[in-house]
């Protein structure tokens, strides 16, 4: 039996052929090489499988299933992981070479930290830099992240590394699509877990016509999505009798989202 790697990289793929090869190349070129790469093909109908199978690297473990959605695919990858830590990445983003090394060292040196993210920079289809995410750069300590989360997401999903037992205790919820990540951060923060970031840019986050991020941005009223995300989160907390001060702030953020969403709708109709 092979020894367990330090890191399990969970890479879900759904029709990602256009950008998949640079993503995998960047992962395999990491300075921290003690990892397994779990590529989970969620029923792709393009050339994704051909690209995945073209790599002979023994660190790659390939899984595929009929299309079942993002949450199911992530949870399957988490269930298959053998590493101490799980690193997330999407099929169109690019890790800088030292990402895994720096994030794993952060968790090794800070046993009380449950999740560590990093700063990101946006790139387009051609790989050209398009700017940074202000909320990302402004919130990187646990205190700053907890302060922001009830009102806005400030953690880039494909840039996190998490202790494996944490992800297994908090599976992704299909009921929260397409904001499964925001719901995850709320649940982790509500449970008192510590989330921080390596305050360095370690991920190039691609935004393009087919990306989930851009599809959400283009929605006429994303505030309704955040309102419903927080409403479902709070309903789950209430059903377990676990409401705390963080949840009260989430309730305030939910009310703000609803008012903003209604205001946007009225403005669009005028």
Protein backbone atom coordinates (compact mmCIF):
# COMPACT_ATOMS: atom_id res chain seq x y z
CA UNK A 1 0.00 0.00 0.00
CA UNK A 2 1.29 3.44 -0.92
CA UNK A 3 1.90 5.89 1.94
CA UNK A 4 -0.70 8.62 2.31
CA UNK A 5 0.32 11.91 0.67
CA UNK A 6 0.42 15.17 2.57
CA UNK A 7 -2.09 16.81 0.22
CA UNK A 8 -5.04 15.61 -1.82
CA UNK A 9 -5.88 17.98 -4.66
CA UNK A 10 -9.57 17.82 -5.58
CA UNK A 11 -10.15 18.91 -9.17
CA UNK A 12 -13.75 18.62 -10.45
CA UNK A 13 -14.11 18.76 -14.23
CA UNK A 14 -17.20 19.41 -16.30
CA UNK A 15 -16.54 20.20 -19.96
CA UNK A 16 -13.28 21.87 -19.04
CA UNK A 17 -11.18 20.88 -22.05
CA UNK A 18 -10.46 24.45 -23.17
CA UNK A 19 -8.37 25.30 -20.09
CA UNK A 20 -7.74 21.98 -18.36
CA UNK A 21 -4.21 21.28 -19.58
CA UNK A 22 -2.63 24.49 -18.13
CA UNK A 23 -4.42 23.78 -14.85
CA UNK A 24 -3.01 20.25 -14.57
CA UNK A 25 0.45 21.34 -15.73
CA UNK A 26 0.59 23.98 -12.98
CA UNK A 27 -0.43 21.44 -10.35
CA UNK A 28 2.17 18.90 -11.42
CA UNK A 29 4.84 21.64 -11.32
CA UNK A 30 4.28 22.53 -7.65
CA UNK A 31 7.38 22.89 -5.45
CA UNK A 32 5.60 20.74 -2.84
CA UNK A 33 5.33 17.42 -4.65
CA UNK A 34 3.89 15.25 -1.86
CA UNK A 35 0.33 15.20 -3.19
CA UNK A 36 -2.20 13.14 -5.08
CA UNK A 37 -4.33 14.77 -7.77
CA UNK A 38 -7.91 13.53 -7.74
CA UNK A 39 -9.52 14.45 -11.05
CA UNK A 40 -13.28 13.85 -10.94
CA UNK A 41 -15.02 14.01 -14.31
CA UNK A 42 -18.65 15.00 -13.80
CA UNK A 43 -20.01 13.58 -17.03
CA UNK A 44 -18.10 15.82 -19.45
CA UNK A 45 -19.14 15.57 -23.10
CA UNK A 46 -16.11 17.37 -24.56
CA UNK A 47 -12.48 16.26 -24.75
CA UNK A 48 -11.78 16.50 -21.02
CA UNK A 49 -11.30 12.76 -20.53
CA UNK A 50 -8.78 12.52 -23.38
CA UNK A 51 -6.72 15.29 -21.82
CA UNK A 52 -6.85 13.73 -18.35
CA UNK A 53 -5.83 10.27 -19.59
CA UNK A 54 -2.91 11.74 -21.55
CA UNK A 55 -0.95 12.32 -18.33
CA UNK A 56 1.17 9.35 -17.15
CA UNK A 57 1.95 10.92 -13.75
CA UNK A 58 1.39 8.32 -11.01
CA UNK A 59 0.10 11.00 -8.64
CA UNK A 60 -3.08 11.37 -10.70
CA UNK A 61 -6.15 9.37 -9.67
CA UNK A 62 -9.00 9.59 -12.17
CA UNK A 63 -12.69 9.17 -11.37
CA UNK A 64 -15.74 9.72 -13.52
CA UNK A 65 -19.50 9.48 -13.18
CA UNK A 66 -22.59 10.71 -15.06
CA UNK A 67 -23.32 14.39 -14.54
CA UNK A 68 -24.43 14.84 -10.94
CA UNK A 69 -23.43 18.40 -10.22
CA UNK A 70 -20.72 20.36 -8.45
CA UNK A 71 -21.53 19.49 -4.83
CA UNK A 72 -21.76 15.75 -5.50
CA UNK A 73 -18.48 15.80 -7.42
CA UNK A 74 -16.63 17.70 -4.70
CA UNK A 75 -17.98 15.41 -1.99
CA UNK A 76 -16.89 12.36 -3.94
CA UNK A 77 -13.39 13.77 -4.24
CA UNK A 78 -13.29 14.51 -0.52
CA UNK A 79 -14.44 10.97 0.22
CA UNK A 80 -11.66 9.50 -1.94
CA UNK A 81 -8.93 11.75 -0.52
CA UNK A 82 -6.06 10.11 1.36
CA UNK A 83 -4.12 13.23 2.27
CA UNK A 84 -3.86 15.14 5.53
CA UNK A 85 -5.00 18.28 3.72
CA UNK A 86 -7.32 18.89 0.78
CA UNK A 87 -6.48 21.58 -1.76
CA UNK A 88 -9.23 22.87 -4.03
CA UNK A 89 -8.75 23.91 -7.61
CA UNK A 90 -11.07 24.33 -10.59
CA UNK A 91 -10.45 23.20 -14.16
CA UNK A 92 -9.70 26.68 -15.52
CA UNK A 93 -7.53 28.21 -12.79
CA UNK A 94 -3.74 28.19 -12.41
CA UNK A 95 -1.77 27.63 -9.20
CA UNK A 96 1.47 29.52 -8.77
CA UNK A 97 4.37 27.09 -8.17
CA UNK A 98 4.67 27.62 -4.40
CA UNK A 99 0.95 27.56 -3.55
CA UNK A 100 0.85 24.05 -2.02
CA UNK A 101 4.16 24.50 -0.24
CA UNK A 102 3.14 27.74 1.42
CA UNK A 103 -0.39 26.69 2.37
CA UNK A 104 0.68 23.31 3.77
CA UNK A 105 3.43 24.99 5.80
CA UNK A 106 0.84 27.46 7.13
CA UNK A 107 -1.37 24.62 8.39
CA UNK A 108 1.57 22.63 9.74
CA UNK A 109 2.76 25.64 11.76
CA UNK A 110 -0.74 26.61 12.96
CA UNK A 111 -2.60 23.56 14.29
CA UNK A 112 -5.54 25.76 15.30
CA UNK A 113 -6.19 26.88 11.73
CA UNK A 114 -8.78 24.80 9.85
CA UNK A 115 -8.73 26.46 6.42
CA UNK A 116 -6.15 28.58 4.67
CA UNK A 117 -6.82 30.50 1.48
CA UNK A 118 -4.67 32.87 -0.56
CA UNK A 119 -4.94 36.02 -2.60
CA UNK A 120 -6.05 35.68 -6.22
CA UNK A 121 -5.67 37.67 -9.42
CA UNK A 122 -8.27 37.50 -12.19
CA UNK A 123 -7.24 36.45 -15.70
CA UNK A 124 -9.27 36.16 -18.89
CA UNK A 125 -9.54 33.51 -21.61
CA UNK A 126 -6.10 34.43 -22.95
CA UNK A 127 -4.46 34.41 -19.54
CA UNK A 128 -4.16 38.19 -19.43
CA UNK A 129 -4.39 39.82 -16.00
CA UNK A 130 -7.67 41.64 -15.40
CA UNK A 131 -7.23 42.83 -11.82
CA UNK A 132 -7.66 41.80 -8.22
CA UNK A 133 -10.66 41.17 -5.98
CA UNK A 134 -10.87 43.96 -3.35
CA UNK A 135 -12.79 41.85 -0.81
CA UNK A 136 -10.13 39.16 -1.11
CA UNK A 137 -7.18 41.43 -0.36
CA UNK A 138 -8.96 43.30 2.45
CA UNK A 139 -9.84 40.20 4.49
CA UNK A 140 -7.14 37.66 5.30
CA UNK A 141 -7.02 37.23 9.10
CA UNK A 142 -9.59 35.09 10.85
CA UNK A 143 -11.06 38.16 12.56
CA UNK A 144 -11.37 40.05 9.27
CA UNK A 145 -12.97 37.09 7.50
CA UNK A 146 -15.49 36.51 10.31
CA UNK A 147 -16.36 40.20 10.25
CA UNK A 148 -17.03 40.20 6.50
CA UNK A 149 -18.75 36.85 5.87
CA UNK A 150 -22.22 37.70 7.21
CA UNK A 151 -22.45 40.40 4.54
CA UNK A 152 -20.26 39.23 1.66
CA UNK A 153 -18.11 36.39 0.46
CA UNK A 154 -14.39 37.15 0.67
CA UNK A 155 -12.77 33.72 0.10
CA UNK A 156 -11.90 32.38 -3.36
CA UNK A 157 -13.14 28.80 -3.44
CA UNK A 158 -10.48 27.25 -5.74
CA UNK A 159 -7.69 28.79 -3.65
CA UNK A 160 -8.31 27.05 -0.31
CA UNK A 161 -6.53 24.24 1.51
CA UNK A 162 -8.46 22.58 4.32
CA UNK A 163 -7.83 19.88 6.88
CA UNK A 164 -9.41 16.73 5.48
CA UNK A 165 -11.43 15.95 8.59
CA UNK A 166 -13.03 19.39 8.38
CA UNK A 167 -14.30 18.86 4.84
CA UNK A 168 -15.63 15.44 5.81
CA UNK A 169 -17.51 16.95 8.74
CA UNK A 170 -18.99 19.71 6.56
CA UNK A 171 -19.98 18.24 3.18
CA UNK A 172 -21.06 20.52 0.36
CA UNK A 173 -24.82 21.01 0.04
CA UNK A 174 -26.45 20.67 -3.36
CA UNK A 175 -29.37 22.72 -2.04
CA UNK A 176 -27.08 25.76 -1.97
CA UNK A 177 -26.01 25.78 -5.63
CA UNK A 178 -24.57 27.87 -7.21
CA UNK A 179 -23.17 29.39 -4.00
CA UNK A 180 -22.03 26.16 -2.31
CA UNK A 181 -18.78 27.80 -1.32
CA UNK A 182 -20.35 30.79 0.44
CA UNK A 183 -22.62 28.43 2.37
CA UNK A 184 -19.56 26.37 3.34
CA UNK A 185 -17.72 29.39 4.73
CA UNK A 186 -20.80 30.43 6.70
CA UNK A 187 -21.15 26.97 8.22
CA UNK A 188 -17.47 26.81 9.14
CA UNK A 189 -17.54 30.28 10.69
CA UNK A 190 -20.81 29.55 12.50
CA UNK A 191 -19.18 26.48 14.06
CA UNK A 192 -16.26 28.59 15.25
CA UNK A 193 -13.61 27.18 12.91
CA UNK A 194 -10.57 29.29 12.08
CA UNK A 195 -10.13 30.49 8.50
CA UNK A 196 -7.12 32.50 7.36
CA UNK A 197 -5.19 33.29 4.19
CA UNK A 198 -1.57 33.26 3.22
CA UNK A 199 -1.37 36.98 2.38
CA UNK A 200 0.23 36.35 -1.01
CA UNK A 201 -1.15 35.96 -4.52
CA UNK A 202 -0.93 32.23 -5.20
CA UNK A 203 -3.77 31.61 -7.69
CA UNK A 204 -4.72 32.96 -11.10
CA UNK A 205 -8.52 32.85 -11.19
CA UNK A 206 -9.86 32.62 -14.73
CA UNK A 207 -13.10 34.41 -15.56
CA UNK A 208 -14.56 33.67 -18.99
CA UNK A 209 -17.85 33.22 -20.77
CA UNK A 210 -18.39 29.63 -19.58
CA UNK A 211 -17.17 30.11 -16.00
CA UNK A 212 -19.52 29.74 -13.07
CA UNK A 213 -18.25 32.98 -11.55
CA UNK A 214 -19.12 35.02 -14.62
CA UNK A 215 -22.50 33.34 -14.99
CA UNK A 216 -23.36 34.37 -11.43
CA UNK A 217 -22.07 37.92 -11.98
CA UNK A 218 -24.25 38.26 -15.07
CA UNK A 219 -27.39 37.34 -13.17
CA UNK A 220 -29.65 40.36 -12.87
CA UNK A 221 -29.90 40.14 -9.11
CA UNK A 222 -27.23 38.13 -7.28
CA UNK A 223 -28.45 39.56 -3.96
CA UNK A 224 -31.48 37.27 -4.10
CA UNK A 225 -29.10 34.29 -4.33
CA UNK A 226 -27.19 35.47 -1.27
CA UNK A 227 -30.45 36.12 0.58
CA UNK A 228 -31.66 32.57 -0.06
CA UNK A 229 -28.23 31.12 0.80
CA UNK A 230 -28.27 32.83 4.19
CA UNK A 231 -31.92 31.96 4.78
CA UNK A 232 -31.22 28.26 4.23
CA UNK A 233 -28.06 28.45 6.34
CA UNK A 234 -29.96 30.03 9.24
CA UNK A 235 -32.82 27.53 8.92
CA UNK A 236 -30.29 24.73 9.31
CA UNK A 237 -28.71 26.37 12.34
CA UNK A 238 -32.10 27.02 13.92
CA UNK A 239 -33.23 23.42 13.41
CA UNK A 240 -30.20 22.28 15.42
CA UNK A 241 -30.63 24.93 18.11
CA UNK A 242 -27.18 26.37 17.47
CA UNK A 243 -27.80 30.06 16.88
CA UNK A 244 -25.03 32.36 18.11
CA UNK A 245 -23.87 35.96 17.67
CA UNK A 246 -22.31 35.18 14.30
CA UNK A 247 -25.70 33.94 13.10
CA UNK A 248 -27.39 37.12 14.27
CA UNK A 249 -24.98 39.05 12.07
CA UNK A 250 -25.78 36.67 9.19
CA UNK A 251 -29.47 37.49 9.76
CA UNK A 252 -28.61 41.20 9.46
CA UNK A 253 -26.71 40.47 6.25
CA UNK A 254 -29.66 38.47 4.92
CA UNK A 255 -32.03 41.38 5.54
CA UNK A 256 -29.63 43.75 3.81
CA UNK A 257 -29.42 41.41 0.79
CA UNK A 258 -33.20 41.23 0.55
CA UNK A 259 -33.62 45.01 0.70
CA UNK A 260 -30.85 45.49 -1.87
CA UNK A 261 -32.38 42.87 -4.17
CA UNK A 262 -35.83 44.48 -3.97
CA UNK A 263 -34.31 47.89 -4.60
CA UNK A 264 -32.48 46.62 -7.68
CA UNK A 265 -35.67 45.07 -9.04
CA UNK A 266 -37.57 48.32 -8.59
CA UNK A 267 -34.78 50.30 -10.24
CA UNK A 268 -34.71 47.93 -13.23
CA UNK A 269 -38.46 48.31 -13.73
CA UNK A 270 -38.43 52.10 -13.62
